Every structure is written in structure tokens, then in C-alpha cells.
N, C-alpha and C. Protein backbone atom coordinates (compact mmCIF):
# COMPACT_ATOMS: atom_id res chain seq x y z
N MET A 1 -98.57 -50.32 -20.12
CA MET A 1 -97.02 -51.12 -20.73
C MET A 1 -95.77 -50.24 -20.81
N LEU A 2 -94.83 -50.19 -20.35
CA LEU A 2 -93.78 -49.25 -20.82
C LEU A 2 -93.30 -48.97 -22.07
N PRO A 3 -92.78 -48.00 -22.41
CA PRO A 3 -92.36 -47.86 -23.59
C PRO A 3 -90.54 -48.06 -23.95
N SER A 4 -90.46 -48.68 -24.64
CA SER A 4 -89.37 -49.43 -25.40
C SER A 4 -88.17 -48.41 -25.74
N VAL A 5 -87.16 -48.32 -24.61
CA VAL A 5 -85.91 -47.23 -25.47
C VAL A 5 -85.03 -48.21 -25.74
N THR A 6 -84.34 -47.80 -26.66
CA THR A 6 -83.32 -48.16 -27.01
C THR A 6 -81.96 -46.97 -26.74
N TYR A 7 -81.01 -47.14 -26.86
CA TYR A 7 -79.77 -46.55 -26.57
C TYR A 7 -79.03 -46.93 -27.42
N HIS A 8 -77.87 -45.43 -27.99
CA HIS A 8 -76.61 -45.89 -29.55
C HIS A 8 -75.99 -45.74 -28.38
N PRO A 9 -75.12 -46.87 -28.81
CA PRO A 9 -73.81 -46.61 -27.87
C PRO A 9 -72.87 -45.96 -28.07
N LEU A 10 -72.77 -45.00 -29.05
CA LEU A 10 -71.68 -43.65 -29.84
C LEU A 10 -72.57 -42.65 -28.51
N GLY A 11 -73.94 -42.56 -28.46
CA GLY A 11 -74.57 -41.24 -27.39
C GLY A 11 -74.20 -41.94 -26.00
N LEU A 12 -74.14 -43.08 -25.65
CA LEU A 12 -73.37 -43.12 -24.07
C LEU A 12 -72.17 -42.69 -23.91
N ILE A 13 -71.09 -42.54 -24.77
CA ILE A 13 -70.29 -41.98 -24.32
C ILE A 13 -70.05 -40.52 -25.24
N LEU A 14 -70.72 -39.73 -26.06
CA LEU A 14 -70.34 -38.83 -26.62
C LEU A 14 -71.32 -37.63 -25.33
N ASN A 15 -72.52 -38.18 -24.58
CA ASN A 15 -73.26 -37.49 -24.50
C ASN A 15 -72.24 -36.79 -22.80
N PRO A 16 -71.76 -37.81 -22.02
CA PRO A 16 -71.13 -37.33 -20.95
C PRO A 16 -69.82 -36.44 -21.25
N ILE A 17 -69.13 -36.37 -22.43
CA ILE A 17 -68.26 -36.25 -22.83
C ILE A 17 -69.33 -34.19 -23.20
N ILE A 18 -69.83 -34.12 -23.67
CA ILE A 18 -70.48 -32.82 -24.40
C ILE A 18 -71.15 -32.20 -23.03
N TYR A 19 -71.27 -32.78 -22.23
CA TYR A 19 -71.99 -31.99 -20.67
C TYR A 19 -70.89 -31.92 -19.73
N ALA A 20 -69.85 -32.71 -19.62
CA ALA A 20 -69.27 -32.67 -18.44
C ALA A 20 -67.66 -31.38 -19.22
N LEU A 21 -67.58 -31.48 -20.56
CA LEU A 21 -66.12 -30.84 -20.73
C LEU A 21 -66.18 -29.67 -20.60
N PRO A 22 -67.90 -28.89 -20.94
CA PRO A 22 -67.88 -27.36 -20.98
C PRO A 22 -67.63 -27.26 -18.81
N ILE A 23 -68.13 -27.59 -18.21
CA ILE A 23 -68.30 -27.51 -16.44
C ILE A 23 -66.92 -28.02 -15.87
N TRP A 24 -65.87 -28.74 -16.35
CA TRP A 24 -64.81 -29.19 -16.27
C TRP A 24 -63.58 -27.92 -16.79
N LEU A 25 -64.07 -27.53 -18.27
CA LEU A 25 -63.37 -26.59 -18.26
C LEU A 25 -63.76 -24.48 -17.39
N LEU A 26 -64.60 -24.38 -17.05
CA LEU A 26 -65.14 -24.00 -16.66
C LEU A 26 -64.36 -23.58 -15.27
N VAL A 27 -64.39 -25.07 -14.26
CA VAL A 27 -63.66 -25.56 -13.21
C VAL A 27 -62.54 -25.45 -13.26
N MET A 28 -61.59 -25.48 -13.95
CA MET A 28 -60.59 -25.21 -14.08
C MET A 28 -60.41 -23.85 -14.19
N GLY A 29 -60.75 -23.26 -15.14
CA GLY A 29 -60.66 -21.62 -15.67
C GLY A 29 -60.85 -21.20 -14.02
N ILE A 30 -61.31 -21.00 -13.75
CA ILE A 30 -61.68 -20.44 -12.34
C ILE A 30 -60.30 -20.66 -11.31
N ARG A 31 -60.22 -22.16 -11.27
CA ARG A 31 -58.99 -22.35 -10.07
C ARG A 31 -57.93 -21.97 -10.88
N TRP A 32 -57.39 -21.38 -12.45
CA TRP A 32 -56.39 -21.20 -12.99
C TRP A 32 -56.06 -19.36 -12.30
N ALA A 33 -57.09 -19.08 -13.07
CA ALA A 33 -56.95 -17.63 -11.95
C ALA A 33 -56.99 -17.50 -11.16
N PHE A 34 -57.74 -18.26 -9.96
CA PHE A 34 -57.22 -17.96 -7.99
C PHE A 34 -55.81 -18.56 -8.21
N ILE A 35 -55.16 -19.60 -9.19
CA ILE A 35 -54.21 -19.40 -8.30
C ILE A 35 -53.24 -18.72 -8.66
N THR A 36 -53.38 -17.93 -9.98
CA THR A 36 -52.20 -17.06 -10.59
C THR A 36 -52.60 -16.04 -9.50
N ARG A 37 -53.32 -15.50 -9.00
CA ARG A 37 -53.91 -13.93 -8.24
C ARG A 37 -53.31 -14.08 -6.95
N ARG A 38 -53.10 -15.52 -6.96
CA ARG A 38 -52.65 -15.62 -5.68
C ARG A 38 -50.86 -15.39 -5.98
N CYS A 39 -50.37 -15.66 -6.33
CA CYS A 39 -48.85 -16.12 -6.83
C CYS A 39 -48.34 -14.63 -7.37
N ARG A 40 -49.43 -14.12 -8.31
CA ARG A 40 -48.94 -12.68 -8.48
C ARG A 40 -49.48 -11.72 -7.12
N ARG A 41 -50.00 -12.04 -6.32
CA ARG A 41 -50.05 -11.17 -4.60
C ARG A 41 -49.02 -11.57 -4.08
N ARG A 42 -48.51 -12.63 -4.25
CA ARG A 42 -47.81 -13.36 -2.94
C ARG A 42 -46.25 -12.61 -3.17
N GLU A 43 -46.25 -12.56 -4.71
CA GLU A 43 -44.97 -12.25 -4.96
C GLU A 43 -44.32 -9.89 -5.24
N ARG A 44 -46.30 -9.76 -4.72
CA ARG A 44 -46.10 -8.50 -4.79
C ARG A 44 -45.74 -7.81 -3.38
N LEU A 45 -46.20 -8.70 -2.31
CA LEU A 45 -46.21 -8.76 -1.41
C LEU A 45 -44.56 -8.83 -0.73
N GLY A 46 -43.71 -9.62 -1.41
CA GLY A 46 -42.67 -10.24 -1.18
C GLY A 46 -42.49 -11.65 -0.28
N LEU A 47 -43.62 -12.43 -0.81
CA LEU A 47 -44.02 -13.48 -0.14
C LEU A 47 -43.58 -14.79 -0.56
N CYS A 48 -42.92 -16.31 -0.28
CA CYS A 48 -42.64 -17.07 -1.44
C CYS A 48 -43.88 -17.49 -1.97
N VAL A 49 -44.13 -17.48 -3.44
CA VAL A 49 -44.66 -17.94 -4.40
C VAL A 49 -45.53 -19.52 -3.58
N GLY A 50 -44.41 -20.41 -3.40
CA GLY A 50 -45.53 -21.66 -3.00
C GLY A 50 -45.96 -22.23 -1.75
N CYS A 51 -45.42 -21.13 -0.60
CA CYS A 51 -45.53 -21.44 0.75
C CYS A 51 -45.97 -20.43 1.25
N ALA A 52 -45.69 -19.08 0.97
CA ALA A 52 -46.38 -17.71 1.65
C ALA A 52 -45.29 -17.12 3.10
N TYR A 53 -43.80 -17.85 2.75
CA TYR A 53 -43.03 -17.41 4.05
C TYR A 53 -42.58 -16.00 3.41
N GLU A 54 -42.29 -15.31 4.41
CA GLU A 54 -41.60 -13.97 3.94
C GLU A 54 -40.84 -13.73 3.97
N LEU A 55 -39.96 -13.25 2.55
CA LEU A 55 -38.55 -13.71 2.07
C LEU A 55 -38.03 -12.67 2.59
N GLY A 56 -37.69 -11.52 2.20
CA GLY A 56 -37.46 -10.25 2.58
C GLY A 56 -36.49 -9.80 1.15
N GLU A 57 -35.18 -10.06 1.53
CA GLU A 57 -34.04 -10.15 0.19
C GLU A 57 -33.51 -11.42 0.16
N LEU A 58 -34.34 -12.63 0.28
CA LEU A 58 -33.54 -14.22 0.53
C LEU A 58 -34.52 -14.31 -1.13
N SER A 59 -33.12 -14.97 -1.83
CA SER A 59 -34.27 -15.69 -3.39
C SER A 59 -34.59 -16.94 -3.32
N VAL A 60 -34.08 -17.84 -2.34
CA VAL A 60 -34.52 -19.30 -2.07
C VAL A 60 -35.41 -19.12 -0.70
N CYS A 61 -36.54 -19.51 -0.64
CA CYS A 61 -36.93 -19.75 0.53
C CYS A 61 -36.63 -21.03 0.94
N PRO A 62 -36.20 -20.46 2.45
CA PRO A 62 -35.60 -21.40 3.55
C PRO A 62 -37.14 -22.37 4.41
N GLU A 63 -38.09 -22.30 3.62
CA GLU A 63 -39.33 -22.80 4.20
C GLU A 63 -39.67 -24.12 3.02
N CYS A 64 -39.57 -24.00 2.21
CA CYS A 64 -40.27 -25.14 0.99
C CYS A 64 -38.79 -25.39 -0.24
N GLY A 65 -38.26 -24.31 -0.06
CA GLY A 65 -36.88 -23.89 -0.98
C GLY A 65 -36.87 -24.13 -2.22
N CYS A 66 -38.42 -22.94 -3.07
CA CYS A 66 -38.38 -22.70 -3.90
C CYS A 66 -37.76 -21.33 -4.25
N GLU A 67 -36.88 -21.32 -5.64
CA GLU A 67 -36.60 -20.66 -5.95
C GLU A 67 -37.06 -19.54 -7.30
N GLY A 68 -36.18 -18.49 -7.03
CA GLY A 68 -37.18 -17.28 -7.35
C GLY A 68 -38.16 -17.03 -7.46
N ALA A 69 -38.44 -16.95 -6.38
CA ALA A 69 -39.27 -16.12 -5.49
C ALA A 69 -39.21 -14.88 -4.97
């Protein structure tokens, strides 16, 4: 005979949050670090932050229109 298992409704709501939240935060943290690193590298090399177009002395990108690049 199979054991009778009852689930608490609050557990069905909280368990996915408890287990998924740390994973989501880790993924978003890695994504944020990657994007920040990429933007800083592009700024250092004189490229547009949005599309990596070589700007030279331009302040607005002719490719994507990104300002302050």
C-alpha cells in the first residue's frame, strides 16, 4: 500500500521561492558582472557601449544613437 502524503498549501508556494531565489540571484549577479565588464571594456577602447561601433572623437554613436559613449 502506498503511503498517504498530504501537502501543505503554504509549502507549495514557499518551496519554489526558497529554492529558486538563490539560483535566480546568482544568475542575475553573473549577468550583471558580465554586462558591466563588457561596458567598461568598450569605454576603455573608445567603442560605443551599446553596439561596439568605433567612435573615435564622436560623442553620439551613428549606428545606434547611444549618447555619452
